[in-house]
Amino acid sequence: MSKTILLADDSVTIRKVVELTFGDTDIRVESVGSGEEALERIRAVAPDLVLADVAMPAPSGYDICRHVKASDRPVPVLLLAGTFEPFDTDQARECGADGHVVKPFESGTLVQRVESLLYRATEPPEVEVEERAAEKDLDEALETLAGVTTKQGAAGSAGPSPAAEADAPADDPAVVEAVEAPPVEAGLRPAELDAIARAVVERLSTEVLREIAWEVVPDLAETIIRERIRQLESEVEG
C-alpha cells in the first residue's frame, strides 16, 4: 500500500533531493516551500508522515509538528536540521517530534528512517512477519525433536545395563545386538534423524537456515566423526 509524505522545506535543492530519493519507492512526496503552505496542504494531502525543516521562517518545523500532533490525525513528524543550524532538542521533545535528520543526509538513511516511522505507525514490515513465522516453525521443529529424543531415550534406557552385559554370556543375543548396533546420539536412529532434518529444512526459510548452519553443522560433523571412529574401533577389535 502506497504512502504519502508531506515535505516542508524552503530549500529547492532539498525538496528535489527528497523527491528523487523516494522516486523508486512506493512512497509519494508532496513538497511545499514554507510552513504556511504546509499548514494549508496538510488537510488536503492527508499525509502519512511529515518532514519539516526547523529553520524555516515561522511557522517553523517545530510549529508544524505541534499542529500535526494536536490534530485529529497525529501522524509521525521527522524534523530536518542543517549541519550548521541550531537544533533545539528541548523544543523538539516538547512539540512531540518523532526524531530529526541532519542535512545533508544519505538517501538510504532518510528512506530507512521514514519507512521505520511509517511501519511503526501502521503495521509491522512484511520481513518482520516472515521472521516471526520462521521462528515459530523453528520452535515447532525443535519441540518435535525434543519429543522424539525423550521418547527414544526412554525406550533405550530399558535395554541391558553395562553390569548386566558383563554377567551375560558372550553369545547372548541381547549382548550381540547391543555391540553390533551403531551408536546413535540422543537415542535416535539414523532414519529418524534424517526425517527430523528434512522436516526442519522444509519448514525454515533459506535465510534462517543460513544463520543457524554455522552453529549446527560443526556439532553434527563432530557427532558423525565420533560415530565413525567407534565403528572403526569395533571393526578392528572384531
C-alpha atoms as a PDB file:
ATOM      1  CA  MET A   1       0.000   0.000   0.000  1.00  0.00           C
ATOM      2  CA  SER A   2       1.479   3.352  -1.059  1.00  0.00           C
ATOM      3  CA  LYS A   3       2.182   6.061   1.487  1.00  0.00           C
ATOM      4  CA  THR A   4       2.341   9.844   1.225  1.00  0.00           C
ATOM      5  CA  ILE A   5       4.731  12.188   2.997  1.00  0.00           C
ATOM      6  CA  LEU A   6       4.464  15.965   3.121  1.00  0.00           C
ATOM      7  CA  LEU A   7       7.813  17.764   2.913  1.00  0.00           C
ATOM      8  CA  ALA A   8       8.093  21.354   4.099  1.00  0.00           C
ATOM      9  CA  ASP A   9      11.470  22.960   3.324  1.00  0.00           C
ATOM     10  CA  ASP A  10      12.378  26.365   1.915  1.00  0.00           C
ATOM     11  CA  SER A  11      15.335  24.885   0.020  1.00  0.00           C
ATOM     12  CA  VAL A  12      14.536  23.958  -3.583  1.00  0.00           C
ATOM     13  CA  THR A  13      17.574  21.651  -3.604  1.00  0.00           C
ATOM     14  CA  ILE A  14      16.429  19.688  -0.559  1.00  0.00           C
ATOM     15  CA  ARG A  15      12.922  19.326  -1.971  1.00  0.00           C
ATOM     16  CA  LYS A  16      14.300  17.954  -5.236  1.00  0.00           C
ATOM     17  CA  VAL A  17      16.710  15.590  -3.434  1.00  0.00           C
ATOM     18  CA  VAL A  18      13.925  14.167  -1.258  1.00  0.00           C
ATOM     19  CA  GLU A  19      11.624  13.720  -4.261  1.00  0.00           C
ATOM     20  CA  LEU A  20      14.361  11.843  -6.138  1.00  0.00           C
ATOM     21  CA  THR A  21      15.229   9.779  -3.053  1.00  0.00           C
ATOM     22  CA  PHE A  22      11.735   8.313  -2.883  1.00  0.00           C
ATOM     23  CA  GLY A  23      11.258   8.156  -6.647  1.00  0.00           C
ATOM     24  CA  ASP A  24      11.864   4.389  -6.790  1.00  0.00           C
ATOM     25  CA  THR A  25       9.738   3.552  -3.737  1.00  0.00           C
ATOM     26  CA  ASP A  26       6.007   3.288  -3.134  1.00  0.00           C
ATOM     27  CA  ILE A  27       6.179   6.494  -1.066  1.00  0.00           C
ATOM     28  CA  ARG A  28       4.797   9.610  -2.736  1.00  0.00           C
ATOM     29  CA  VAL A  29       6.278  13.003  -1.846  1.00  0.00           C
ATOM     30  CA  GLU A  30       4.227  16.215  -1.735  1.00  0.00           C
ATOM     31  CA  SER A  31       6.579  19.151  -1.177  1.00  0.00           C
ATOM     32  CA  VAL A  32       5.970  22.775  -0.232  1.00  0.00           C
ATOM     33  CA  GLY A  33       8.390  25.664   0.275  1.00  0.00           C
ATOM     34  CA  SER A  34       7.118  27.208   3.507  1.00  0.00           C
ATOM     35  CA  GLY A  35       5.487  26.435   6.821  1.00  0.00           C
ATOM     36  CA  GLU A  36       2.344  28.330   5.821  1.00  0.00           C
ATOM     37  CA  GLU A  37       1.916  26.187   2.716  1.00  0.00           C
ATOM     38  CA  ALA A  38       2.440  23.091   4.795  1.00  0.00           C
ATOM     39  CA  LEU A  39      -0.347  24.014   7.213  1.00  0.00           C
ATOM     40  CA  GLU A  40      -2.645  24.768   4.270  1.00  0.00           C
ATOM     41  CA  ARG A  41      -1.891  21.489   2.482  1.00  0.00           C
ATOM     42  CA  ILE A  42      -1.936  19.060   5.406  1.00  0.00           C
ATOM     43  CA  ARG A  43      -5.696  18.501   5.421  1.00  0.00           C
ATOM     44  CA  ALA A  44      -5.913  18.169   1.623  1.00  0.00           C
ATOM     45  CA  VAL A  45      -2.895  15.851   1.299  1.00  0.00           C
ATOM     46  CA  ALA A  46      -3.658  13.767   4.429  1.00  0.00           C
ATOM     47  CA  PRO A  47      -0.011  12.651   4.678  1.00  0.00           C
ATOM     48  CA  ASP A  48       1.104   9.512   6.489  1.00  0.00           C
ATOM     49  CA  LEU A  49       4.245  11.349   7.659  1.00  0.00           C
ATOM     50  CA  VAL A  50       5.534  14.923   7.696  1.00  0.00           C
ATOM     51  CA  LEU A  51       9.108  16.103   7.048  1.00  0.00           C
ATOM     52  CA  ALA A  52       9.612  19.664   8.274  1.00  0.00           C
ATOM     53  CA  ASP A  53      12.644  21.953   8.282  1.00  0.00           C
ATOM     54  CA  VAL A  54      13.194  23.558  11.696  1.00  0.00           C
ATOM     55  CA  ALA A  55      14.918  26.655  10.282  1.00  0.00           C
ATOM     56  CA  MET A  56      12.087  27.919   8.060  1.00  0.00           C
ATOM     57  CA  PRO A  57      10.594  31.308   8.886  1.00  0.00           C
ATOM     58  CA  ALA A  58       7.549  30.950  11.152  1.00  0.00           C
ATOM     59  CA  PRO A  59       5.760  28.701  11.214  1.00  0.00           C
ATOM     60  CA  SER A  60       8.883  26.599  11.673  1.00  0.00           C
ATOM     61  CA  GLY A  61       9.197  22.830  11.672  1.00  0.00           C
ATOM     62  CA  TYR A  62       8.536  22.845  15.421  1.00  0.00           C
ATOM     63  CA  ASP A  63       5.292  24.769  14.846  1.00  0.00           C
ATOM     64  CA  ILE A  64       4.196  22.382  12.091  1.00  0.00           C
ATOM     65  CA  CYS A  65       4.899  19.455  14.390  1.00  0.00           C
ATOM     66  CA  ARG A  66       2.773  20.953  17.168  1.00  0.00           C
ATOM     67  CA  HIS A  67      -0.069  21.472  14.707  1.00  0.00           C
ATOM     68  CA  VAL A  68       0.119  17.887  13.434  1.00  0.00           C
ATOM     69  CA  LYS A  69       0.317  16.326  16.886  1.00  0.00           C
ATOM     70  CA  ALA A  70      -2.636  18.397  18.135  1.00  0.00           C
ATOM     71  CA  SER A  71      -4.810  17.486  15.148  1.00  0.00           C
ATOM     72  CA  ASP A  72      -7.279  14.622  14.853  1.00  0.00           C
ATOM     73  CA  ARG A  73      -4.691  12.782  12.721  1.00  0.00           C
ATOM     74  CA  PRO A  74      -1.374  12.957  14.642  1.00  0.00           C
ATOM     75  CA  VAL A  75       0.930  11.259  12.144  1.00  0.00           C
ATOM     76  CA  PRO A  76       4.705  10.891  12.680  1.00  0.00           C
ATOM     77  CA  VAL A  77       6.807  14.040  12.194  1.00  0.00           C
ATOM     78  CA  LEU A  78      10.502  13.934  11.313  1.00  0.00           C
ATOM     79  CA  LEU A  79      12.334  17.255  11.676  1.00  0.00           C
ATOM     80  CA  LEU A  80      15.100  18.357   9.291  1.00  0.00           C
ATOM     81  CA  ALA A  81      18.032  20.453  10.501  1.00  0.00           C
ATOM     82  CA  GLY A  82      21.106  21.788   8.701  1.00  0.00           C
ATOM     83  CA  THR A  83      24.597  20.821   9.855  1.00  0.00           C
ATOM     84  CA  PHE A  84      25.404  24.405  10.938  1.00  0.00           C
ATOM     85  CA  GLU A  85      21.891  25.333  12.039  1.00  0.00           C
ATOM     86  CA  PRO A  86      20.904  25.267  15.723  1.00  0.00           C
ATOM     87  CA  PHE A  87      18.655  22.390  16.698  1.00  0.00           C
ATOM     88  CA  ASP A  88      16.599  22.813  19.870  1.00  0.00           C
ATOM     89  CA  THR A  89      16.354  19.370  21.459  1.00  0.00           C
ATOM     90  CA  ASP A  90      14.029  20.592  24.219  1.00  0.00           C
ATOM     91  CA  GLN A  91      11.663  22.214  21.754  1.00  0.00           C
ATOM     92  CA  ALA A  92      11.689  19.105  19.565  1.00  0.00           C
ATOM     93  CA  ARG A  93      10.751  16.984  22.571  1.00  0.00           C
ATOM     94  CA  GLU A  94       8.069  19.463  23.643  1.00  0.00           C
ATOM     95  CA  CYS A  95       6.370  19.556  20.222  1.00  0.00           C
ATOM     96  CA  GLY A  96       6.287  15.752  20.070  1.00  0.00           C
ATOM     97  CA  ALA A  97       8.662  15.170  17.158  1.00  0.00           C
ATOM     98  CA  ASP A  98       9.452  11.535  16.322  1.00  0.00           C
ATOM     99  CA  GLY A  99      13.090  12.332  15.546  1.00  0.00           C
ATOM    100  CA  HIS A 100      15.277  14.503  13.327  1.00  0.00           C
ATOM    101  CA  VAL A 101      17.676  14.144  10.403  1.00  0.00           C
ATOM    102  CA  VAL A 102      20.699  16.355   9.784  1.00  0.00           C
ATOM    103  CA  LYS A 103      21.191  17.804   6.316  1.00  0.00           C
ATOM    104  CA  PRO A 104      22.901  16.866   4.089  1.00  0.00           C
ATOM    105  CA  PHE A 105      21.799  13.283   4.617  1.00  0.00           C
ATOM    106  CA  GLU A 106      22.379   9.998   2.847  1.00  0.00           C
ATOM    107  CA  SER A 107      19.394   8.934   0.780  1.00  0.00           C
ATOM    108  CA  GLY A 108      19.390   5.420   2.229  1.00  0.00           C
ATOM    109  CA  THR A 109      19.399   6.766   5.790  1.00  0.00           C
ATOM    110  CA  LEU A 110      16.405   9.012   5.134  1.00  0.00           C
ATOM    111  CA  VAL A 111      14.429   6.210   3.478  1.00  0.00           C
ATOM    112  CA  GLN A 112      15.185   3.895   6.393  1.00  0.00           C
ATOM    113  CA  ARG A 113      14.070   6.442   8.987  1.00  0.00           C
ATOM    114  CA  VAL A 114      10.887   7.281   7.101  1.00  0.00           C
ATOM    115  CA  GLU A 115       9.925   3.651   6.490  1.00  0.00           C
ATOM    116  CA  SER A 116      10.597   2.815  10.129  1.00  0.00           C
ATOM    117  CA  LEU A 117       8.193   5.531  11.296  1.00  0.00           C
ATOM    118  CA  LEU A 118       5.559   4.650   8.706  1.00  0.00           C
ATOM    119  CA  TYR A 119       5.518   0.970   9.634  1.00  0.00           C
ATOM    120  CA  ARG A 120       5.580   1.747  13.320  1.00  0.00           C
ATOM    121  CA  ALA A 121       2.519   3.920  12.861  1.00  0.00           C
ATOM    122  CA  THR A 122       0.526   1.349  10.863  1.00  0.00           C
ATOM    123  CA  GLU A 123       1.684  -2.247  10.631  1.00  0.00           C
ATOM    124  CA  PRO A 124       4.972  -4.160  11.029  1.00  0.00           C
ATOM    125  CA  PRO A 125       7.132  -4.575   7.923  1.00  0.00           C
ATOM    126  CA  GLU A 126       6.500  -7.760   5.947  1.00  0.00           C
ATOM    127  CA  VAL A 127      10.016  -9.013   6.675  1.00  0.00           C
ATOM    128  CA  GLU A 128       9.320  -8.968  10.435  1.00  0.00           C
ATOM    129  CA  VAL A 129       6.166 -11.031   9.936  1.00  0.00           C
ATOM    130  CA  GLU A 130       8.149 -13.570   7.899  1.00  0.00           C
ATOM    131  CA  GLU A 131      10.887 -13.756  10.531  1.00  0.00           C
ATOM    132  CA  ARG A 132       8.361 -14.402  13.293  1.00  0.00           C
ATOM    133  CA  ALA A 133       6.744 -17.144  11.190  1.00  0.00           C
ATOM    134  CA  ALA A 134      10.147 -18.736  10.610  1.00  0.00           C
ATOM    135  CA  GLU A 135      10.932 -18.566  14.328  1.00  0.00           C
ATOM    136  CA  LYS A 136       7.592 -20.238  15.090  1.00  0.00           C
ATOM    137  CA  ASP A 137       8.352 -23.017  12.616  1.00  0.00           C
ATOM    138  CA  LEU A 138      11.788 -23.490  14.165  1.00  0.00           C
ATOM    139  CA  ASP A 139      10.293 -23.721  17.644  1.00  0.00           C
ATOM    140  CA  GLU A 140       7.800 -26.331  16.459  1.00  0.00           C
ATOM    141  CA  ALA A 141      10.543 -28.342  14.772  1.00  0.00           C
ATOM    142  CA  LEU A 142      12.710 -28.248  17.899  1.00  0.00           C
ATOM    143  CA  GLU A 143       9.754 -29.298  20.048  1.00  0.00           C
ATOM    144  CA  THR A 144       9.241 -32.253  17.722  1.00  0.00           C
ATOM    145  CA  LEU A 145      12.927 -33.126  18.040  1.00  0.00           C
ATOM    146  CA  ALA A 146      12.769 -32.880  21.831  1.00  0.00           C
ATOM    147  CA  GLY A 147       9.691 -35.129  21.944  1.00  0.00           C
ATOM    148  CA  VAL A 148      11.235 -37.803  19.763  1.00  0.00           C
ATOM    149  CA  THR A 149      14.529 -37.634  21.680  1.00  0.00           C
ATOM    150  CA  THR A 150      12.767 -38.068  25.025  1.00  0.00           C
ATOM    151  CA  LYS A 151      10.699 -40.969  23.707  1.00  0.00           C
ATOM    152  CA  GLN A 152      13.659 -42.745  22.165  1.00  0.00           C
ATOM    153  CA  GLY A 153      15.841 -42.061  25.195  1.00  0.00           C
ATOM    154  CA  ALA A 154      13.235 -43.644  27.471  1.00  0.00           C
ATOM    155  CA  ALA A 155      12.960 -46.678  25.189  1.00  0.00           C
ATOM    156  CA  GLY A 156      16.749 -47.009  25.073  1.00  0.00           C
ATOM    157  CA  SER A 157      17.021 -46.896  28.845  1.00  0.00           C
ATOM    158  CA  ALA A 158      15.072 -50.158  29.049  1.00  0.00           C
ATOM    159  CA  GLY A 159      17.984 -52.044  27.413  1.00  0.00           C
ATOM    160  CA  PRO A 160      20.564 -54.092  29.298  1.00  0.00           C
ATOM    161  CA  SER A 161      22.847 -52.175  31.669  1.00  0.00           C
ATOM    162  CA  PRO A 162      26.657 -52.452  31.382  1.00  0.00           C
ATOM    163  CA  ALA A 163      26.683 -54.618  34.520  1.00  0.00           C
ATOM    164  CA  ALA A 164      24.052 -56.982  33.091  1.00  0.00           C
ATOM    165  CA  GLU A 165      26.025 -57.259  29.861  1.00  0.00           C
ATOM    166  CA  ALA A 166      29.164 -58.208  31.791  1.00  0.00           C
ATOM    167  CA  ASP A 167      27.321 -61.067  33.548  1.00  0.00           C
ATOM    168  CA  ALA A 168      25.597 -62.333  30.390  1.00  0.00           C
ATOM    169  CA  PRO A 169      27.147 -64.960  28.102  1.00  0.00           C
ATOM    170  CA  ALA A 170      29.132 -63.615  25.169  1.00  0.00           C
ATOM    171  CA  ASP A 171      26.740 -65.238  22.715  1.00  0.00           C
ATOM    172  CA  ASP A 172      23.646 -63.804  24.382  1.00  0.00           C
ATOM    173  CA  PRO A 173      21.514 -62.273  21.545  1.00  0.00           C
ATOM    174  CA  ALA A 174      20.884 -59.121  23.606  1.00  0.00           C
ATOM    175  CA  VAL A 175      24.622 -58.568  24.047  1.00  0.00           C
ATOM    176  CA  VAL A 176      25.350 -59.249  20.374  1.00  0.00           C
ATOM    177  CA  GLU A 177      22.646 -56.760  19.331  1.00  0.00           C
ATOM    178  CA  ALA A 178      23.947 -54.113  21.734  1.00  0.00           C
ATOM    179  CA  VAL A 179      27.521 -54.478  20.426  1.00  0.00           C
ATOM    180  CA  GLU A 180      26.676 -54.559  16.728  1.00  0.00           C
ATOM    181  CA  ALA A 181      24.078 -51.787  16.756  1.00  0.00           C
ATOM    182  CA  PRO A 182      25.752 -48.491  15.707  1.00  0.00           C
ATOM    183  CA  PRO A 183      25.723 -45.907  18.491  1.00  0.00           C
ATOM    184  CA  VAL A 184      23.347 -43.009  17.817  1.00  0.00           C
ATOM    185  CA  GLU A 185      23.266 -39.682  19.617  1.00  0.00           C
ATOM    186  CA  ALA A 186      20.319 -38.954  21.945  1.00  0.00           C
ATOM    187  CA  GLY A 187      18.785 -42.405  21.308  1.00  0.00           C
ATOM    188  CA  LEU A 188      17.743 -41.506  17.743  1.00  0.00           C
ATOM    189  CA  ARG A 189      18.148 -43.867  14.827  1.00  0.00           C
ATOM    190  CA  PRO A 190      19.673 -42.552  11.557  1.00  0.00           C
ATOM    191  CA  ALA A 191      16.323 -42.781   9.756  1.00  0.00           C
ATOM    192  CA  GLU A 192      14.647 -40.719  12.485  1.00  0.00           C
ATOM    193  CA  LEU A 193      17.403 -38.119  12.441  1.00  0.00           C
ATOM    194  CA  ASP A 194      17.049 -37.856   8.668  1.00  0.00           C
ATOM    195  CA  ALA A 195      13.272 -37.447   8.922  1.00  0.00           C
ATOM    196  CA  ILE A 196      13.592 -34.691  11.510  1.00  0.00           C
ATOM    197  CA  ALA A 197      16.280 -32.908   9.485  1.00  0.00           C
ATOM    198  CA  ARG A 198      14.055 -32.981   6.389  1.00  0.00           C
ATOM    199  CA  ALA A 199      11.095 -31.598   8.354  1.00  0.00           C
ATOM    200  CA  VAL A 200      13.210 -28.738   9.708  1.00  0.00           C
ATOM    201  CA  VAL A 201      14.607 -27.880   6.262  1.00  0.00           C
ATOM    202  CA  GLU A 202      11.111 -27.845   4.715  1.00  0.00           C
ATOM    203  CA  ARG A 203       9.778 -25.525   7.401  1.00  0.00           C
ATOM    204  CA  LEU A 204      12.573 -22.988   7.526  1.00  0.00           C
ATOM    205  CA  SER A 205      13.418 -20.262   5.037  1.00  0.00           C
ATOM    206  CA  THR A 206      16.804 -20.186   3.308  1.00  0.00           C
ATOM    207  CA  GLU A 207      17.916 -17.146   5.323  1.00  0.00           C
ATOM    208  CA  VAL A 208      17.132 -18.775   8.671  1.00  0.00           C
ATOM    209  CA  LEU A 209      18.903 -21.981   7.638  1.00  0.00           C
ATOM    210  CA  ARG A 210      21.954 -19.994   6.633  1.00  0.00           C
ATOM    211  CA  GLU A 211      22.005 -18.248  10.024  1.00  0.00           C
ATOM    212  CA  ILE A 212      21.873 -21.449  12.062  1.00  0.00           C
ATOM    213  CA  ALA A 213      24.027 -23.595   9.764  1.00  0.00           C
ATOM    214  CA  TRP A 214      27.313 -22.401  11.219  1.00  0.00           C
ATOM    215  CA  GLU A 215      26.179 -23.432  14.690  1.00  0.00           C
ATOM    216  CA  VAL A 216      24.545 -26.750  13.771  1.00  0.00           C
ATOM    217  CA  VAL A 217      26.966 -28.146  11.155  1.00  0.00           C
ATOM    218  CA  PRO A 218      30.067 -28.348  13.408  1.00  0.00           C
ATOM    219  CA  ASP A 219      28.110 -30.267  16.058  1.00  0.00           C
ATOM    220  CA  LEU A 220      26.669 -32.675  13.501  1.00  0.00           C
ATOM    221  CA  ALA A 221      30.094 -33.207  11.936  1.00  0.00           C
ATOM    222  CA  GLU A 222      31.595 -33.979  15.330  1.00  0.00           C
ATOM    223  CA  THR A 223      28.804 -36.469  16.050  1.00  0.00           C
ATOM    224  CA  ILE A 224      29.273 -38.241  12.714  1.00  0.00           C
ATOM    225  CA  ILE A 225      33.044 -38.424  13.174  1.00  0.00           C
ATOM    226  CA  ARG A 226      32.690 -39.859  16.682  1.00  0.00           C
ATOM    227  CA  GLU A 227      30.269 -42.486  15.437  1.00  0.00           C
ATOM    228  CA  ARG A 228      32.565 -43.429  12.532  1.00  0.00           C
ATOM    229  CA  ILE A 229      35.570 -43.765  14.871  1.00  0.00           C
ATOM    230  CA  ARG A 230      33.609 -46.061  17.181  1.00  0.00           C
ATOM    231  CA  GLN A 231      32.541 -48.180  14.207  1.00  0.00           C
ATOM    232  CA  LEU A 232      36.164 -48.483  13.012  1.00  0.00           C
ATOM    233  CA  GLU A 233      37.309 -49.412  16.506  1.00  0.00           C
ATOM    234  CA  SER A 234      34.663 -52.122  16.647  1.00  0.00           C
ATOM    235  CA  GLU A 235      35.795 -53.478  13.305  1.00  0.00           C
ATOM    236  CA  VAL A 236      39.462 -53.545  14.394  1.00  0.00           C
ATOM    237  CA  GLU A 237      38.656 -55.221  17.718  1.00  0.00           C
ATOM    238  CA  GLY A 238      36.436 -57.756  15.923  1.00  0.00           C
END
